[in-house]
Amino acid sequence: MDGKARYLDNIFIERLWRSLKYECIYLHAWETGSQAKADVGRWITHYNHLRPHAAQGGQPPVVVHFNSIETDQQVQAVA
């Protein structure tokens, strides 16, 4: 996402919501809102921490994010 409000920014969000609906929401019939909240929270944790993403070299988003932070800090330390 480049933050310039182009259609490409929306593609990533739409894909996330589609995955959430088909992999979590449509598969369950929760009886309470707290059950739904807990299951969706577990799915998002799985999506961010465990699930490999092809667009990120087969790594989960959290690994890519923290690697980019470490790289940025190393660049700032050298500068």
PDB file of N, CA and C in Angstrom:
ATOM      1  N   MET A   1       0.841  -1.174   0.000  1.00  0.00           N
ATOM      2  CA  MET A   1       0.000   0.000   0.000  1.00  0.00           C
ATOM      3  C   MET A   1       0.882   1.231   0.000  1.00  0.00           C
ATOM      4  N   ASP A   2       0.561   2.144  -0.870  1.00  0.00           N
ATOM      5  CA  ASP A   2       1.392   3.338  -0.963  1.00  0.00           C
ATOM      6  C   ASP A   2       0.732   4.565  -0.359  1.00  0.00           C
ATOM      7  N   GLY A   3      -0.502   4.446   0.096  1.00  0.00           N
ATOM      8  CA  GLY A   3      -1.163   5.555   0.763  1.00  0.00           C
ATOM      9  C   GLY A   3      -1.646   6.654  -0.149  1.00  0.00           C
ATOM     10  N   LYS A   4      -1.628   6.442  -1.442  1.00  0.00           N
ATOM     11  CA  LYS A   4      -2.061   7.474  -2.378  1.00  0.00           C
ATOM     12  C   LYS A   4      -3.519   7.294  -2.791  1.00  0.00           C
ATOM     13  N   ALA A   5      -4.256   6.477  -2.067  1.00  0.00           N
ATOM     14  CA  ALA A   5      -5.691   6.267  -2.288  1.00  0.00           C
ATOM     15  C   ALA A   5      -5.991   5.758  -3.687  1.00  0.00           C
ATOM     16  N   ARG A   6      -5.137   4.915  -4.185  1.00  0.00           N
ATOM     17  CA  ARG A   6      -5.402   4.295  -5.473  1.00  0.00           C
ATOM     18  C   ARG A   6      -6.117   2.978  -5.246  1.00  0.00           C
ATOM     19  N   TYR A   7      -6.622   2.405  -6.311  1.00  0.00           N
ATOM     20  CA  TYR A   7      -7.369   1.158  -6.200  1.00  0.00           C
ATOM     21  C   TYR A   7      -6.510   0.025  -5.637  1.00  0.00           C
ATOM     22  N   LEU A   8      -5.203   0.077  -5.803  1.00  0.00           N
ATOM     23  CA  LEU A   8      -4.334  -0.988  -5.294  1.00  0.00           C
ATOM     24  C   LEU A   8      -4.365  -1.069  -3.772  1.00  0.00           C
ATOM     25  N   ASP A   9      -4.545   0.067  -3.116  1.00  0.00           N
ATOM     26  CA  ASP A   9      -4.614   0.066  -1.649  1.00  0.00           C
ATOM     27  C   ASP A   9      -5.790  -0.773  -1.158  1.00  0.00           C
ATOM     28  N   ASN A  10      -6.880  -0.733  -1.875  1.00  0.00           N
ATOM     29  CA  ASN A  10      -8.092  -1.417  -1.454  1.00  0.00           C
ATOM     30  C   ASN A  10      -8.031  -2.923  -1.709  1.00  0.00           C
ATOM     31  N   ILE A  11      -7.249  -3.367  -2.657  1.00  0.00           N
ATOM     32  CA  ILE A  11      -7.165  -4.786  -3.000  1.00  0.00           C
ATOM     33  C   ILE A  11      -6.722  -5.619  -1.802  1.00  0.00           C
ATOM     34  N   PHE A  12      -5.730  -5.144  -1.074  1.00  0.00           N
ATOM     35  CA  PHE A  12      -5.200  -5.892   0.061  1.00  0.00           C
ATOM     36  C   PHE A  12      -6.239  -6.035   1.178  1.00  0.00           C
ATOM     37  N   ILE A  13      -6.982  -4.978   1.438  1.00  0.00           N
ATOM     38  CA  ILE A  13      -8.005  -5.015   2.482  1.00  0.00           C
ATOM     39  C   ILE A  13      -9.148  -5.933   2.067  1.00  0.00           C
ATOM     40  N   GLU A  14      -9.568  -5.845   0.811  1.00  0.00           N
ATOM     41  CA  GLU A  14     -10.649  -6.707   0.340  1.00  0.00           C
ATOM     42  C   GLU A  14     -10.249  -8.176   0.416  1.00  0.00           C
ATOM     43  N   ARG A  15      -9.008  -8.485   0.116  1.00  0.00           N
ATOM     44  CA  ARG A  15      -8.543  -9.869   0.184  1.00  0.00           C
ATOM     45  C   ARG A  15      -8.546 -10.371   1.628  1.00  0.00           C
ATOM     46  N   LEU A  16      -8.133  -9.522   2.557  1.00  0.00           N
ATOM     47  CA  LEU A  16      -8.160  -9.890   3.974  1.00  0.00           C
ATOM     48  C   LEU A  16      -9.580 -10.211   4.409  1.00  0.00           C
ATOM     49  N   TRP A  17     -10.538  -9.335   4.099  1.00  0.00           N
ATOM     50  CA  TRP A  17     -11.923  -9.560   4.501  1.00  0.00           C
ATOM     51  C   TRP A  17     -12.496 -10.809   3.851  1.00  0.00           C
ATOM     52  N   ARG A  18     -12.154 -11.049   2.572  1.00  0.00           N
ATOM     53  CA  ARG A  18     -12.658 -12.244   1.900  1.00  0.00           C
ATOM     54  C   ARG A  18     -12.122 -13.505   2.584  1.00  0.00           C
ATOM     55  N   SER A  19     -10.838 -13.518   2.896  1.00  0.00           N
ATOM     56  CA  SER A  19     -10.249 -14.665   3.583  1.00  0.00           C
ATOM     57  C   SER A  19     -10.900 -14.877   4.942  1.00  0.00           C
ATOM     58  N   LEU A  20     -11.101 -13.807   5.691  1.00  0.00           N
ATOM     59  CA  LEU A  20     -11.735 -13.908   7.008  1.00  0.00           C
ATOM     60  C   LEU A  20     -13.139 -14.497   6.892  1.00  0.00           C
ATOM     61  N   LYS A  21     -13.908 -14.015   5.945  1.00  0.00           N
ATOM     62  CA  LYS A  21     -15.286 -14.512   5.798  1.00  0.00           C
ATOM     63  C   LYS A  21     -15.309 -15.992   5.434  1.00  0.00           C
ATOM     64  N   TYR A  22     -14.519 -16.386   4.443  1.00  0.00           N
ATOM     65  CA  TYR A  22     -14.594 -17.764   3.961  1.00  0.00           C
ATOM     66  C   TYR A  22     -13.894 -18.765   4.876  1.00  0.00           C
ATOM     67  N   GLU A  23     -12.863 -18.345   5.593  1.00  0.00           N
ATOM     68  CA  GLU A  23     -12.109 -19.267   6.424  1.00  0.00           C
ATOM     69  C   GLU A  23     -12.561 -19.291   7.881  1.00  0.00           C
ATOM     70  N   CYS A  24     -13.339 -18.303   8.289  1.00  0.00           N
ATOM     71  CA  CYS A  24     -13.731 -18.242   9.700  1.00  0.00           C
ATOM     72  C   CYS A  24     -15.230 -18.001   9.867  1.00  0.00           C
ATOM     73  N   ILE A  25     -15.718 -16.901   9.371  1.00  0.00           N
ATOM     74  CA  ILE A  25     -17.085 -16.488   9.677  1.00  0.00           C
ATOM     75  C   ILE A  25     -18.132 -17.436   9.104  1.00  0.00           C
ATOM     76  N   TYR A  26     -18.003 -17.786   7.822  1.00  0.00           N
ATOM     77  CA  TYR A  26     -19.012 -18.640   7.200  1.00  0.00           C
ATOM     78  C   TYR A  26     -18.983 -20.080   7.709  1.00  0.00           C
ATOM     79  N   LEU A  27     -17.933 -20.475   8.399  1.00  0.00           N
ATOM     80  CA  LEU A  27     -17.803 -21.849   8.880  1.00  0.00           C
ATOM     81  C   LEU A  27     -18.370 -22.068  10.281  1.00  0.00           C
ATOM     82  N   HIS A  28     -18.758 -21.004  10.953  1.00  0.00           N
ATOM     83  CA  HIS A  28     -19.213 -21.117  12.336  1.00  0.00           C
ATOM     84  C   HIS A  28     -20.608 -20.519  12.524  1.00  0.00           C
ATOM     85  N   ALA A  29     -21.313 -21.046  13.480  1.00  0.00           N
ATOM     86  CA  ALA A  29     -22.608 -20.494  13.892  1.00  0.00           C
ATOM     87  C   ALA A  29     -22.511 -20.186  15.384  1.00  0.00           C
ATOM     88  N   TRP A  30     -21.963 -19.026  15.695  1.00  0.00           N
ATOM     89  CA  TRP A  30     -21.761 -18.666  17.088  1.00  0.00           C
ATOM     90  C   TRP A  30     -23.084 -18.335  17.754  1.00  0.00           C
ATOM     91  N   GLU A  31     -23.139 -18.597  19.040  1.00  0.00           N
ATOM     92  CA  GLU A  31     -24.346 -18.298  19.796  1.00  0.00           C
ATOM     93  C   GLU A  31     -24.252 -16.954  20.500  1.00  0.00           C
ATOM     94  N   THR A  32     -23.041 -16.497  20.738  1.00  0.00           N
ATOM     95  CA  THR A  32     -22.876 -15.198  21.398  1.00  0.00           C
ATOM     96  C   THR A  32     -21.840 -14.369  20.653  1.00  0.00           C
ATOM     97  N   GLY A  33     -21.897 -13.089  20.876  1.00  0.00           N
ATOM     98  CA  GLY A  33     -20.924 -12.186  20.277  1.00  0.00           C
ATOM     99  C   GLY A  33     -19.526 -12.412  20.821  1.00  0.00           C
ATOM    100  N   SER A  34     -19.428 -12.810  22.079  1.00  0.00           N
ATOM    101  CA  SER A  34     -18.100 -13.042  22.658  1.00  0.00           C
ATOM    102  C   SER A  34     -17.422 -14.258  22.021  1.00  0.00           C
ATOM    103  N   GLN A  35     -18.207 -15.272  21.641  1.00  0.00           N
ATOM    104  CA  GLN A  35     -17.639 -16.421  20.936  1.00  0.00           C
ATOM    105  C   GLN A  35     -17.116 -15.992  19.563  1.00  0.00           C
ATOM    106  N   ALA A  36     -17.895 -15.180  18.875  1.00  0.00           N
ATOM    107  CA  ALA A  36     -17.480 -14.690  17.560  1.00  0.00           C
ATOM    108  C   ALA A  36     -16.212 -13.857  17.679  1.00  0.00           C
ATOM    109  N   LYS A  37     -16.176 -12.975  18.666  1.00  0.00           N
ATOM    110  CA  LYS A  37     -15.012 -12.110  18.860  1.00  0.00           C
ATOM    111  C   LYS A  37     -13.758 -12.940  19.145  1.00  0.00           C
ATOM    112  N   ALA A  38     -13.885 -13.959  19.971  1.00  0.00           N
ATOM    113  CA  ALA A  38     -12.740 -14.806  20.316  1.00  0.00           C
ATOM    114  C   ALA A  38     -12.242 -15.584  19.095  1.00  0.00           C
ATOM    115  N   ASP A  39     -13.160 -16.164  18.311  1.00  0.00           N
ATOM    116  CA  ASP A  39     -12.755 -16.932  17.132  1.00  0.00           C
ATOM    117  C   ASP A  39     -12.132 -16.046  16.059  1.00  0.00           C
ATOM    118  N   VAL A  40     -12.720 -14.878  15.834  1.00  0.00           N
ATOM    119  CA  VAL A  40     -12.142 -13.956  14.846  1.00  0.00           C
ATOM    120  C   VAL A  40     -10.767 -13.495  15.316  1.00  0.00           C
ATOM    121  N   GLY A  41     -10.614 -13.241  16.594  1.00  0.00           N
ATOM    122  CA  GLY A  41      -9.307 -12.861  17.137  1.00  0.00           C
ATOM    123  C   GLY A  41      -8.264 -13.949  16.941  1.00  0.00           C
ATOM    124  N   ARG A  42      -8.661 -15.206  17.168  1.00  0.00           N
ATOM    125  CA  ARG A  42      -7.736 -16.318  16.936  1.00  0.00           C
ATOM    126  C   ARG A  42      -7.369 -16.427  15.459  1.00  0.00           C
ATOM    127  N   TRP A  43      -8.349 -16.206  14.580  1.00  0.00           N
ATOM    128  CA  TRP A  43      -8.073 -16.296  13.141  1.00  0.00           C
ATOM    129  C   TRP A  43      -7.102 -15.194  12.723  1.00  0.00           C
ATOM    130  N   ILE A  44      -7.305 -13.984  13.205  1.00  0.00           N
ATOM    131  CA  ILE A  44      -6.418 -12.868  12.847  1.00  0.00           C
ATOM    132  C   ILE A  44      -5.010 -13.113  13.381  1.00  0.00           C
ATOM    133  N   THR A  45      -4.895 -13.659  14.590  1.00  0.00           N
ATOM    134  CA  THR A  45      -3.582 -14.000  15.127  1.00  0.00           C
ATOM    135  C   THR A  45      -2.902 -15.042  14.245  1.00  0.00           C
ATOM    136  N   HIS A  46      -3.654 -16.063  13.855  1.00  0.00           N
ATOM    137  CA  HIS A  46      -3.116 -17.089  12.951  1.00  0.00           C
ATOM    138  C   HIS A  46      -2.692 -16.465  11.619  1.00  0.00           C
ATOM    139  N   TYR A  47      -3.527 -15.610  11.064  1.00  0.00           N
ATOM    140  CA  TYR A  47      -3.261 -14.966   9.764  1.00  0.00           C
ATOM    141  C   TYR A  47      -1.976 -14.137   9.823  1.00  0.00           C
ATOM    142  N   ASN A  48      -1.781 -13.416  10.897  1.00  0.00           N
ATOM    143  CA  ASN A  48      -0.623 -12.528  11.014  1.00  0.00           C
ATOM    144  C   ASN A  48       0.655 -13.213  11.479  1.00  0.00           C
ATOM    145  N   HIS A  49       0.537 -14.252  12.311  1.00  0.00           N
ATOM    146  CA  HIS A  49       1.721 -14.832  12.937  1.00  0.00           C
ATOM    147  C   HIS A  49       2.142 -16.190  12.370  1.00  0.00           C
ATOM    148  N   LEU A  50       1.216 -16.957  11.834  1.00  0.00           N
ATOM    149  CA  LEU A  50       1.550 -18.321  11.425  1.00  0.00           C
ATOM    150  C   LEU A  50       1.374 -18.592   9.933  1.00  0.00           C
ATOM    151  N   ARG A  51       0.383 -17.992   9.334  1.00  0.00           N
ATOM    152  CA  ARG A  51       0.047 -18.307   7.947  1.00  0.00           C
ATOM    153  C   ARG A  51       1.061 -17.696   6.988  1.00  0.00           C
ATOM    154  N   PRO A  52       1.688 -18.526   6.150  1.00  0.00           N
ATOM    155  CA  PRO A  52       2.634 -17.982   5.165  1.00  0.00           C
ATOM    156  C   PRO A  52       1.892 -17.248   4.052  1.00  0.00           C
ATOM    157  N   HIS A  53       2.482 -16.159   3.587  1.00  0.00           N
ATOM    158  CA  HIS A  53       1.892 -15.362   2.518  1.00  0.00           C
ATOM    159  C   HIS A  53       2.822 -15.399   1.309  1.00  0.00           C
ATOM    160  N   ALA A  54       2.297 -15.812   0.178  1.00  0.00           N
ATOM    161  CA  ALA A  54       3.106 -15.945  -1.037  1.00  0.00           C
ATOM    162  C   ALA A  54       3.716 -14.607  -1.453  1.00  0.00           C
ATOM    163  N   ALA A  55       2.980 -13.531  -1.280  1.00  0.00           N
ATOM    164  CA  ALA A  55       3.470 -12.215  -1.679  1.00  0.00           C
ATOM    165  C   ALA A  55       4.638 -11.747  -0.805  1.00  0.00           C
ATOM    166  N   GLN A  56       4.862 -12.419   0.307  1.00  0.00           N
ATOM    167  CA  GLN A  56       5.940 -12.023   1.216  1.00  0.00           C
ATOM    168  C   GLN A  56       6.984 -13.123   1.337  1.00  0.00           C
ATOM    169  N   GLY A  57       7.173 -13.851   0.259  1.00  0.00           N
ATOM    170  CA  GLY A  57       8.207 -14.885   0.243  1.00  0.00           C
ATOM    171  C   GLY A  57       7.908 -16.067   1.140  1.00  0.00           C
ATOM    172  N   GLY A  58       6.641 -16.361   1.370  1.00  0.00           N
ATOM    173  CA  GLY A  58       6.273 -17.498   2.207  1.00  0.00           C
ATOM    174  C   GLY A  58       6.403 -17.244   3.696  1.00  0.00           C
ATOM    175  N   GLN A  59       6.570 -15.992   4.079  1.00  0.00           N
ATOM    176  CA  GLN A  59       6.686 -15.650   5.495  1.00  0.00           C
ATOM    177  C   GLN A  59       5.400 -14.999   5.988  1.00  0.00           C
ATOM    178  N   PRO A  60       5.089 -15.162   7.263  1.00  0.00           N
ATOM    179  CA  PRO A  60       3.924 -14.466   7.817  1.00  0.00           C
ATOM    180  C   PRO A  60       4.185 -12.962   7.902  1.00  0.00           C
ATOM    181  N   PRO A  61       3.137 -12.150   7.905  1.00  0.00           N
ATOM    182  CA  PRO A  61       3.312 -10.695   7.951  1.00  0.00           C
ATOM    183  C   PRO A  61       4.115 -10.197   9.149  1.00  0.00           C
ATOM    184  N   VAL A  62       3.964 -10.823  10.317  1.00  0.00           N
ATOM    185  CA  VAL A  62       4.675 -10.341  11.497  1.00  0.00           C
ATOM    186  C   VAL A  62       6.192 -10.461  11.311  1.00  0.00           C
ATOM    187  N   VAL A  63       6.658 -11.511  10.665  1.00  0.00           N
ATOM    188  CA  VAL A  63       8.093 -11.698  10.427  1.00  0.00           C
ATOM    189  C   VAL A  63       8.605 -10.618   9.483  1.00  0.00           C
ATOM    190  N   VAL A  64       7.871 -10.375   8.419  1.00  0.00           N
ATOM    191  CA  VAL A  64       8.270  -9.349   7.451  1.00  0.00           C
ATOM    192  C   VAL A  64       8.283  -7.979   8.111  1.00  0.00           C
ATOM    193  N   HIS A  65       7.284  -7.693   8.924  1.00  0.00           N
ATOM    194  CA  HIS A  65       7.190  -6.392   9.597  1.00  0.00           C
ATOM    195  C   HIS A  65       8.375  -6.166  10.539  1.00  0.00           C
ATOM    196  N   PHE A  66       8.655  -7.137  11.389  1.00  0.00           N
ATOM    197  CA  PHE A  66       9.734  -6.948  12.350  1.00  0.00           C
ATOM    198  C   PHE A  66      11.104  -6.966  11.679  1.00  0.00           C
ATOM    199  N   ASN A  67      11.262  -7.699  10.593  1.00  0.00           N
ATOM    200  CA  ASN A  67      12.514  -7.641   9.844  1.00  0.00           C
ATOM    201  C   ASN A  67      12.716  -6.267   9.229  1.00  0.00           C
ATOM    202  N   SER A  68      11.639  -5.647   8.749  1.00  0.00           N
ATOM    203  CA  SER A  68      11.772  -4.309   8.164  1.00  0.00           C
ATOM    204  C   SER A  68      12.106  -3.277   9.232  1.00  0.00           C
ATOM    205  N   ILE A  69      11.579  -3.435  10.435  1.00  0.00           N
ATOM    206  CA  ILE A  69      11.901  -2.512  11.532  1.00  0.00           C
ATOM    207  C   ILE A  69      13.376  -2.649  11.901  1.00  0.00           C
ATOM    208  N   GLU A  70      13.869  -3.885  12.008  1.00  0.00           N
ATOM    209  CA  GLU A  70      15.275  -4.104  12.340  1.00  0.00           C
ATOM    210  C   GLU A  70      16.173  -3.524  11.262  1.00  0.00           C
ATOM    211  N   THR A  71      15.804  -3.700   9.999  1.00  0.00           N
ATOM    212  CA  THR A  71      16.597  -3.153   8.903  1.00  0.00           C
ATOM    213  C   THR A  71      16.613  -1.629   8.956  1.00  0.00           C
ATOM    214  N   ASP A  72      15.454  -1.010   9.226  1.00  0.00           N
ATOM    215  CA  ASP A  72      15.387   0.438   9.335  1.00  0.00           C
ATOM    216  C   ASP A  72      16.261   0.945  10.476  1.00  0.00           C
ATOM    217  N   GLN A  73      16.247   0.240  11.604  1.00  0.00           N
ATOM    218  CA  GLN A  73      17.063   0.662  12.748  1.00  0.00           C
ATOM    219  C   GLN A  73      18.546   0.520  12.438  1.00  0.00           C
ATOM    220  N   GLN A  74      18.931  -0.510  11.689  1.00  0.00           N
ATOM    221  CA  GLN A  74      20.332  -0.693  11.331  1.00  0.00           C
ATOM    222  C   GLN A  74      20.770   0.413  10.385  1.00  0.00           C
ATOM    223  N   VAL A  75      19.912   0.794   9.453  1.00  0.00           N
ATOM    224  CA  VAL A  75      20.252   1.864   8.522  1.00  0.00           C
ATOM    225  C   VAL A  75      20.411   3.174   9.263  1.00  0.00           C
ATOM    226  N   GLN A  76      19.532   3.443  10.235  1.00  0.00           N
ATOM    227  CA  GLN A  76      19.613   4.674  11.010  1.00  0.00           C
ATOM    228  C   GLN A  76      20.866   4.690  11.880  1.00  0.00           C
ATOM    229  N   ALA A  77      21.264   3.540  12.389  1.00  0.00           N
ATOM    230  CA  ALA A  77      22.462   3.474  13.230  1.00  0.00           C
ATOM    231  C   ALA A  77      23.721   3.758  12.426  1.00  0.00           C
ATOM    232  N   VAL A  78      23.735   3.337  11.165  1.00  0.00           N
ATOM    233  CA  VAL A  78      24.895   3.561  10.306  1.00  0.00           C
ATOM    234  C   VAL A  78      24.969   5.016   9.873  1.00  0.00           C
ATOM    235  N   ALA A  79      23.830   5.641   9.676  1.00  0.00           N
ATOM    236  CA  ALA A  79      23.776   7.016   9.166  1.00  0.00           C
ATOM    237  C   ALA A  79      24.195   8.032  10.170  1.00  0.00           C
TER     238      ALA A  79
END
